[in-house]
Amino acid sequence: MFRLLNLLRTLLLTGLALTALRAQEPSVPSGDFLLQPQDLIKVQVFQEPDLLREVRISQEGTINLPLINQVDLRNKTLRQAEQLIRDLYDRDFLVNPQITLVVVEYAKRTVNVLGNVNLPGAVPFPQEQKLNLIDAITRAGGFNRLADRKRVKLTRTSTDGKSETVEINADQLMNKGASAEKWVLQVGDTVYVPERVL
């Protein structure tokens, strides 16, 4: 009975942590790229060469453009940013402007994979793609022989500085295949693979 109560408690806590982690994830349409601070982007307005700019996104997620001044791009994809800039120019300055945004230089994006993997350390994100938990461990050389695959820990820090850690059974993810997609990582996440108790 005591073991059953402990199991139920663990499942409930894991579910709450998972809900908290998912609530922090911005919604990104499939095939689109979420802009990050320090990305360098080129903003082109069709037939308006004076408005052409290359700007770096600030740590606060903003850029400055002629006429419309500060534009907040936090949690915006490339396409959403294009639409926002188009709407701002369309509101007061241009009639039906055609805006094109291109990422000229990506900010460095990594997650840390530590513990019992063959190549622990920072793992870079593939540009304009998602990175899930199993892919990150694979890029870190995979599990070593001492790894406890059933108790992998994922730690994420939210924008308000709070850290959440959830324990994941990576063996189940690898056996179920497609379900690994729900553990998509974010920049700055830490994955820790503990040692098995022998």
C-alpha atoms as a PDB file:
ATOM      1  CA  MET A   1       0.000   0.000   0.000  1.00  0.00           C
ATOM      2  CA  PHE A   2       2.804   2.387   0.966  1.00  0.00           C
ATOM      3  CA  ARG A   3       4.632   1.692  -2.332  1.00  0.00           C
ATOM      4  CA  LEU A   4       1.431   2.344  -4.295  1.00  0.00           C
ATOM      5  CA  LEU A   5       0.925   5.709  -2.560  1.00  0.00           C
ATOM      6  CA  ASN A   6       4.557   6.666  -3.278  1.00  0.00           C
ATOM      7  CA  LEU A   7       4.130   5.697  -6.924  1.00  0.00           C
ATOM      8  CA  LEU A   8       0.943   7.780  -7.233  1.00  0.00           C
ATOM      9  CA  ARG A   9       2.665  10.739  -5.542  1.00  0.00           C
ATOM     10  CA  THR A  10       5.628  10.488  -7.950  1.00  0.00           C
ATOM     11  CA  LEU A  11       3.307  10.323 -10.983  1.00  0.00           C
ATOM     12  CA  LEU A  12       1.370  13.365  -9.751  1.00  0.00           C
ATOM     13  CA  LEU A  13       4.544  15.417  -9.171  1.00  0.00           C
ATOM     14  CA  THR A  14       5.935  14.416 -12.577  1.00  0.00           C
ATOM     15  CA  GLY A  15       2.656  15.438 -14.218  1.00  0.00           C
ATOM     16  CA  LEU A  16       2.714  18.827 -12.458  1.00  0.00           C
ATOM     17  CA  ALA A  17       6.337  19.439 -13.469  1.00  0.00           C
ATOM     18  CA  LEU A  18       5.557  18.448 -17.066  1.00  0.00           C
ATOM     19  CA  THR A  19       2.620  20.881 -17.111  1.00  0.00           C
ATOM     20  CA  ALA A  20       4.867  23.668 -15.803  1.00  0.00           C
ATOM     21  CA  LEU A  21       7.538  22.943 -18.424  1.00  0.00           C
ATOM     22  CA  ARG A  22       5.004  22.860 -21.255  1.00  0.00           C
ATOM     23  CA  ALA A  23       3.430  26.144 -20.104  1.00  0.00           C
ATOM     24  CA  GLN A  24       6.798  27.852 -20.614  1.00  0.00           C
ATOM     25  CA  GLU A  25       7.103  26.708 -24.239  1.00  0.00           C
ATOM     26  CA  PRO A  26       6.066  29.307 -26.779  1.00  0.00           C
ATOM     27  CA  SER A  27       3.829  27.961 -29.524  1.00  0.00           C
ATOM     28  CA  VAL A  28       5.869  27.613 -32.731  1.00  0.00           C
ATOM     29  CA  PRO A  29       4.166  26.705 -36.007  1.00  0.00           C
ATOM     30  CA  SER A  30       5.711  23.708 -37.739  1.00  0.00           C
ATOM     31  CA  GLY A  31       8.636  24.649 -39.990  1.00  0.00           C
ATOM     32  CA  ASP A  32       9.041  28.156 -38.539  1.00  0.00           C
ATOM     33  CA  PHE A  33      11.970  29.543 -36.585  1.00  0.00           C
ATOM     34  CA  LEU A  34      11.688  31.194 -33.163  1.00  0.00           C
ATOM     35  CA  LEU A  35      13.849  34.333 -33.051  1.00  0.00           C
ATOM     36  CA  GLN A  36      16.316  34.663 -30.173  1.00  0.00           C
ATOM     37  CA  PRO A  37      18.269  37.529 -28.594  1.00  0.00           C
ATOM     38  CA  GLN A  38      21.532  38.181 -30.476  1.00  0.00           C
ATOM     39  CA  ASP A  39      20.193  36.899 -33.823  1.00  0.00           C
ATOM     40  CA  LEU A  40      21.233  39.274 -36.616  1.00  0.00           C
ATOM     41  CA  ILE A  41      18.350  39.815 -39.031  1.00  0.00           C
ATOM     42  CA  LYS A  42      17.979  41.676 -42.317  1.00  0.00           C
ATOM     43  CA  VAL A  43      14.731  43.611 -42.727  1.00  0.00           C
ATOM     44  CA  GLN A  44      13.806  44.466 -46.326  1.00  0.00           C
ATOM     45  CA  VAL A  45      10.821  46.496 -47.444  1.00  0.00           C
ATOM     46  CA  PHE A  46       9.997  45.953 -51.123  1.00  0.00           C
ATOM     47  CA  GLN A  47      10.727  49.068 -53.233  1.00  0.00           C
ATOM     48  CA  GLU A  48      11.894  51.011 -50.158  1.00  0.00           C
ATOM     49  CA  PRO A  49      15.732  50.765 -50.186  1.00  0.00           C
ATOM     50  CA  ASP A  50      16.045  53.503 -47.531  1.00  0.00           C
ATOM     51  CA  LEU A  51      14.351  51.198 -45.018  1.00  0.00           C
ATOM     52  CA  LEU A  52      16.751  48.257 -45.527  1.00  0.00           C
ATOM     53  CA  ARG A  53      18.408  47.379 -42.203  1.00  0.00           C
ATOM     54  CA  GLU A  54      20.525  44.673 -40.617  1.00  0.00           C
ATOM     55  CA  VAL A  55      19.782  44.686 -36.906  1.00  0.00           C
ATOM     56  CA  ARG A  56      20.747  42.493 -33.970  1.00  0.00           C
ATOM     57  CA  ILE A  57      17.956  41.488 -31.592  1.00  0.00           C
ATOM     58  CA  SER A  58      18.688  42.884 -28.119  1.00  0.00           C
ATOM     59  CA  GLN A  59      18.773  40.807 -24.932  1.00  0.00           C
ATOM     60  CA  GLU A  60      15.276  42.172 -24.236  1.00  0.00           C
ATOM     61  CA  GLY A  61      14.068  40.819 -27.611  1.00  0.00           C
ATOM     62  CA  THR A  62      13.659  44.171 -29.379  1.00  0.00           C
ATOM     63  CA  ILE A  63      14.960  45.869 -32.527  1.00  0.00           C
ATOM     64  CA  ASN A  64      14.796  49.486 -33.757  1.00  0.00           C
ATOM     65  CA  LEU A  65      13.641  50.290 -37.292  1.00  0.00           C
ATOM     66  CA  PRO A  66      13.182  53.574 -39.167  1.00  0.00           C
ATOM     67  CA  LEU A  67       9.800  55.274 -38.705  1.00  0.00           C
ATOM     68  CA  ILE A  68       8.315  52.604 -36.401  1.00  0.00           C
ATOM     69  CA  ASN A  69      11.136  52.719 -33.796  1.00  0.00           C
ATOM     70  CA  GLN A  70      11.229  49.884 -31.218  1.00  0.00           C
ATOM     71  CA  VAL A  71       9.668  46.553 -32.207  1.00  0.00           C
ATOM     72  CA  ASP A  72       9.201  43.770 -29.621  1.00  0.00           C
ATOM     73  CA  LEU A  73      10.062  40.364 -31.131  1.00  0.00           C
ATOM     74  CA  ARG A  74       9.994  38.287 -27.931  1.00  0.00           C
ATOM     75  CA  ASN A  75       8.568  34.789 -28.538  1.00  0.00           C
ATOM     76  CA  LYS A  76       8.008  35.623 -32.203  1.00  0.00           C
ATOM     77  CA  THR A  77       8.809  33.345 -35.100  1.00  0.00           C
ATOM     78  CA  LEU A  78      10.372  34.708 -38.260  1.00  0.00           C
ATOM     79  CA  ARG A  79       6.966  34.766 -39.996  1.00  0.00           C
ATOM     80  CA  GLN A  80       5.211  36.373 -37.012  1.00  0.00           C
ATOM     81  CA  ALA A  81       7.904  39.081 -36.898  1.00  0.00           C
ATOM     82  CA  GLU A  82       7.416  39.773 -40.611  1.00  0.00           C
ATOM     83  CA  GLN A  83       3.672  40.179 -40.078  1.00  0.00           C
ATOM     84  CA  LEU A  84       4.159  42.446 -37.043  1.00  0.00           C
ATOM     85  CA  ILE A  85       6.586  44.740 -38.902  1.00  0.00           C
ATOM     86  CA  ARG A  86       4.283  44.786 -41.919  1.00  0.00           C
ATOM     87  CA  ASP A  87       1.330  45.821 -39.720  1.00  0.00           C
ATOM     88  CA  LEU A  88       3.364  48.579 -38.028  1.00  0.00           C
ATOM     89  CA  TYR A  89       4.485  50.092 -41.352  1.00  0.00           C
ATOM     90  CA  ASP A  90       1.013  49.646 -42.841  1.00  0.00           C
ATOM     91  CA  ARG A  91      -0.670  51.442 -39.937  1.00  0.00           C
ATOM     92  CA  ASP A  92       0.809  54.924 -40.510  1.00  0.00           C
ATOM     93  CA  PHE A  93       3.530  54.988 -43.143  1.00  0.00           C
ATOM     94  CA  LEU A  94       3.195  52.646 -46.147  1.00  0.00           C
ATOM     95  CA  VAL A  95       0.342  51.154 -48.145  1.00  0.00           C
ATOM     96  CA  ASN A  96       0.388  47.344 -48.166  1.00  0.00           C
ATOM     97  CA  PRO A  97       4.168  47.002 -47.567  1.00  0.00           C
ATOM     98  CA  GLN A  98       5.901  43.740 -48.489  1.00  0.00           C
ATOM     99  CA  ILE A  99       8.330  42.797 -45.711  1.00  0.00           C
ATOM    100  CA  THR A 100      11.033  40.127 -45.907  1.00  0.00           C
ATOM    101  CA  LEU A 101      13.049  39.026 -42.875  1.00  0.00           C
ATOM    102  CA  VAL A 102      16.173  36.890 -43.201  1.00  0.00           C
ATOM    103  CA  VAL A 103      18.381  35.605 -40.383  1.00  0.00           C
ATOM    104  CA  VAL A 104      21.911  36.686 -41.361  1.00  0.00           C
ATOM    105  CA  GLU A 105      23.645  35.275 -38.276  1.00  0.00           C
ATOM    106  CA  TYR A 106      22.264  33.002 -35.577  1.00  0.00           C
ATOM    107  CA  ALA A 107      22.955  33.504 -31.893  1.00  0.00           C
ATOM    108  CA  LYS A 108      24.774  30.593 -30.305  1.00  0.00           C
ATOM    109  CA  ARG A 109      22.194  28.051 -29.128  1.00  0.00           C
ATOM    110  CA  THR A 110      23.104  25.177 -26.859  1.00  0.00           C
ATOM    111  CA  VAL A 111      21.788  22.816 -24.218  1.00  0.00           C
ATOM    112  CA  ASN A 112      23.992  21.126 -21.628  1.00  0.00           C
ATOM    113  CA  VAL A 113      24.087  17.340 -21.498  1.00  0.00           C
ATOM    114  CA  LEU A 114      25.933  16.202 -18.376  1.00  0.00           C
ATOM    115  CA  GLY A 115      26.568  13.086 -16.352  1.00  0.00           C
ATOM    116  CA  ASN A 116      26.886   9.590 -17.750  1.00  0.00           C
ATOM    117  CA  VAL A 117      27.155  10.262 -21.475  1.00  0.00           C
ATOM    118  CA  ASN A 118      30.245   9.707 -23.619  1.00  0.00           C
ATOM    119  CA  LEU A 119      30.826  13.391 -24.518  1.00  0.00           C
ATOM    120  CA  PRO A 120      29.347  15.548 -21.728  1.00  0.00           C
ATOM    121  CA  GLY A 121      29.098  19.291 -22.323  1.00  0.00           C
ATOM    122  CA  ALA A 122      27.326  21.848 -24.489  1.00  0.00           C
ATOM    123  CA  VAL A 123      25.366  20.467 -27.437  1.00  0.00           C
ATOM    124  CA  PRO A 124      24.549  22.953 -30.222  1.00  0.00           C
ATOM    125  CA  PHE A 125      21.045  23.217 -31.638  1.00  0.00           C
ATOM    126  CA  PRO A 126      20.724  22.506 -35.351  1.00  0.00           C
ATOM    127  CA  GLN A 127      19.757  25.864 -36.881  1.00  0.00           C
ATOM    128  CA  GLU A 128      16.061  26.352 -37.645  1.00  0.00           C
ATOM    129  CA  GLN A 129      15.242  22.895 -36.249  1.00  0.00           C
ATOM    130  CA  LYS A 130      13.990  21.444 -33.003  1.00  0.00           C
ATOM    131  CA  LEU A 131      16.113  19.315 -30.696  1.00  0.00           C
ATOM    132  CA  ASN A 132      14.510  16.696 -28.475  1.00  0.00           C
ATOM    133  CA  LEU A 133      15.907  14.976 -25.394  1.00  0.00           C
ATOM    134  CA  ILE A 134      17.020  11.768 -27.136  1.00  0.00           C
ATOM    135  CA  ASP A 135      18.661  13.689 -30.019  1.00  0.00           C
ATOM    136  CA  ALA A 136      20.620  15.819 -27.517  1.00  0.00           C
ATOM    137  CA  ILE A 137      21.887  12.720 -25.679  1.00  0.00           C
ATOM    138  CA  THR A 138      22.848  11.152 -29.020  1.00  0.00           C
ATOM    139  CA  ARG A 139      24.794  14.312 -29.980  1.00  0.00           C
ATOM    140  CA  ALA A 140      26.597  14.014 -26.627  1.00  0.00           C
ATOM    141  CA  GLY A 141      27.915  10.588 -27.659  1.00  0.00           C
ATOM    142  CA  GLY A 142      25.023   8.576 -26.238  1.00  0.00           C
ATOM    143  CA  PHE A 143      24.676   6.926 -22.844  1.00  0.00           C
ATOM    144  CA  ASN A 144      27.800   5.383 -21.337  1.00  0.00           C
ATOM    145  CA  ARG A 145      27.706   1.936 -19.720  1.00  0.00           C
ATOM    146  CA  LEU A 146      26.989   3.353 -16.233  1.00  0.00           C
ATOM    147  CA  ALA A 147      24.022   5.510 -17.275  1.00  0.00           C
ATOM    148  CA  ASP A 148      20.674   5.200 -15.523  1.00  0.00           C
ATOM    149  CA  ARG A 149      18.418   5.700 -18.557  1.00  0.00           C
ATOM    150  CA  LYS A 150      15.262   5.513 -16.449  1.00  0.00           C
ATOM    151  CA  ARG A 151      16.017   8.582 -14.304  1.00  0.00           C
ATOM    152  CA  VAL A 152      17.229  11.262 -16.761  1.00  0.00           C
ATOM    153  CA  LYS A 153      16.670  14.751 -15.364  1.00  0.00           C
ATOM    154  CA  LEU A 154      15.662  17.776 -17.458  1.00  0.00           C
ATOM    155  CA  THR A 155      16.085  21.197 -15.821  1.00  0.00           C
ATOM    156  CA  ARG A 156      14.644  24.349 -17.375  1.00  0.00           C
ATOM    157  CA  THR A 157      14.870  27.908 -16.057  1.00  0.00           C
ATOM    158  CA  SER A 158      11.938  30.172 -16.902  1.00  0.00           C
ATOM    159  CA  THR A 159      12.246  33.843 -17.831  1.00  0.00           C
ATOM    160  CA  ASP A 160      11.430  34.817 -14.223  1.00  0.00           C
ATOM    161  CA  GLY A 161      14.428  32.796 -12.956  1.00  0.00           C
ATOM    162  CA  LYS A 162      12.574  29.781 -11.525  1.00  0.00           C
ATOM    163  CA  SER A 163      14.069  26.345 -12.222  1.00  0.00           C
ATOM    164  CA  GLU A 164      11.919  23.279 -12.799  1.00  0.00           C
ATOM    165  CA  THR A 165      13.327  19.746 -12.929  1.00  0.00           C
ATOM    166  CA  VAL A 166      11.463  16.708 -14.199  1.00  0.00           C
ATOM    167  CA  GLU A 167      12.599  13.069 -14.251  1.00  0.00           C
ATOM    168  CA  ILE A 168      12.170  11.219 -17.554  1.00  0.00           C
ATOM    169  CA  ASN A 169      12.418   7.528 -18.412  1.00  0.00           C
ATOM    170  CA  ALA A 170      14.529   7.703 -21.604  1.00  0.00           C
ATOM    171  CA  ASP A 171      14.205   3.928 -22.150  1.00  0.00           C
ATOM    172  CA  GLN A 172      10.451   4.366 -22.618  1.00  0.00           C
ATOM    173  CA  LEU A 173      10.996   7.295 -25.005  1.00  0.00           C
ATOM    174  CA  MET A 174      13.386   5.245 -27.158  1.00  0.00           C
ATOM    175  CA  ASN A 175      11.014   2.274 -27.241  1.00  0.00           C
ATOM    176  CA  LYS A 176       7.979   4.368 -28.175  1.00  0.00           C
ATOM    177  CA  GLY A 177       9.857   6.413 -30.799  1.00  0.00           C
ATOM    178  CA  ALA A 178       7.531   9.275 -31.796  1.00  0.00           C
ATOM    179  CA  SER A 179       6.665  10.161 -28.189  1.00  0.00           C
ATOM    180  CA  ALA A 180      10.187  11.587 -27.816  1.00  0.00           C
ATOM    181  CA  GLU A 181       8.918  14.633 -29.711  1.00  0.00           C
ATOM    182  CA  LYS A 182       7.057  15.853 -26.630  1.00  0.00           C
ATOM    183  CA  TRP A 183      10.408  16.431 -24.889  1.00  0.00           C
ATOM    184  CA  VAL A 184      11.560  19.186 -27.237  1.00  0.00           C
ATOM    185  CA  LEU A 185      14.370  21.157 -25.596  1.00  0.00           C
ATOM    186  CA  GLN A 186      14.805  24.907 -25.281  1.00  0.00           C
ATOM    187  CA  VAL A 187      17.980  26.980 -25.329  1.00  0.00           C
ATOM    188  CA  GLY A 188      19.711  26.781 -21.938  1.00  0.00           C
ATOM    189  CA  ASP A 189      18.092  23.505 -20.806  1.00  0.00           C
ATOM    190  CA  THR A 190      20.249  21.059 -18.839  1.00  0.00           C
ATOM    191  CA  VAL A 191      19.949  17.303 -19.261  1.00  0.00           C
ATOM    192  CA  TYR A 192      21.592  15.215 -16.542  1.00  0.00           C
ATOM    193  CA  VAL A 193      22.066  11.462 -16.845  1.00  0.00           C
ATOM    194  CA  PRO A 194      22.716   9.924 -13.398  1.00  0.00           C
ATOM    195  CA  GLU A 195      24.742   6.802 -12.655  1.00  0.00           C
ATOM    196  CA  ARG A 196      22.985   3.488 -12.178  1.00  0.00           C
ATOM    197  CA  VAL A 197      22.994   2.066  -8.665  1.00  0.00           C
ATOM    198  CA  LEU A 198      24.746  -1.293  -8.991  1.00  0.00           C
END
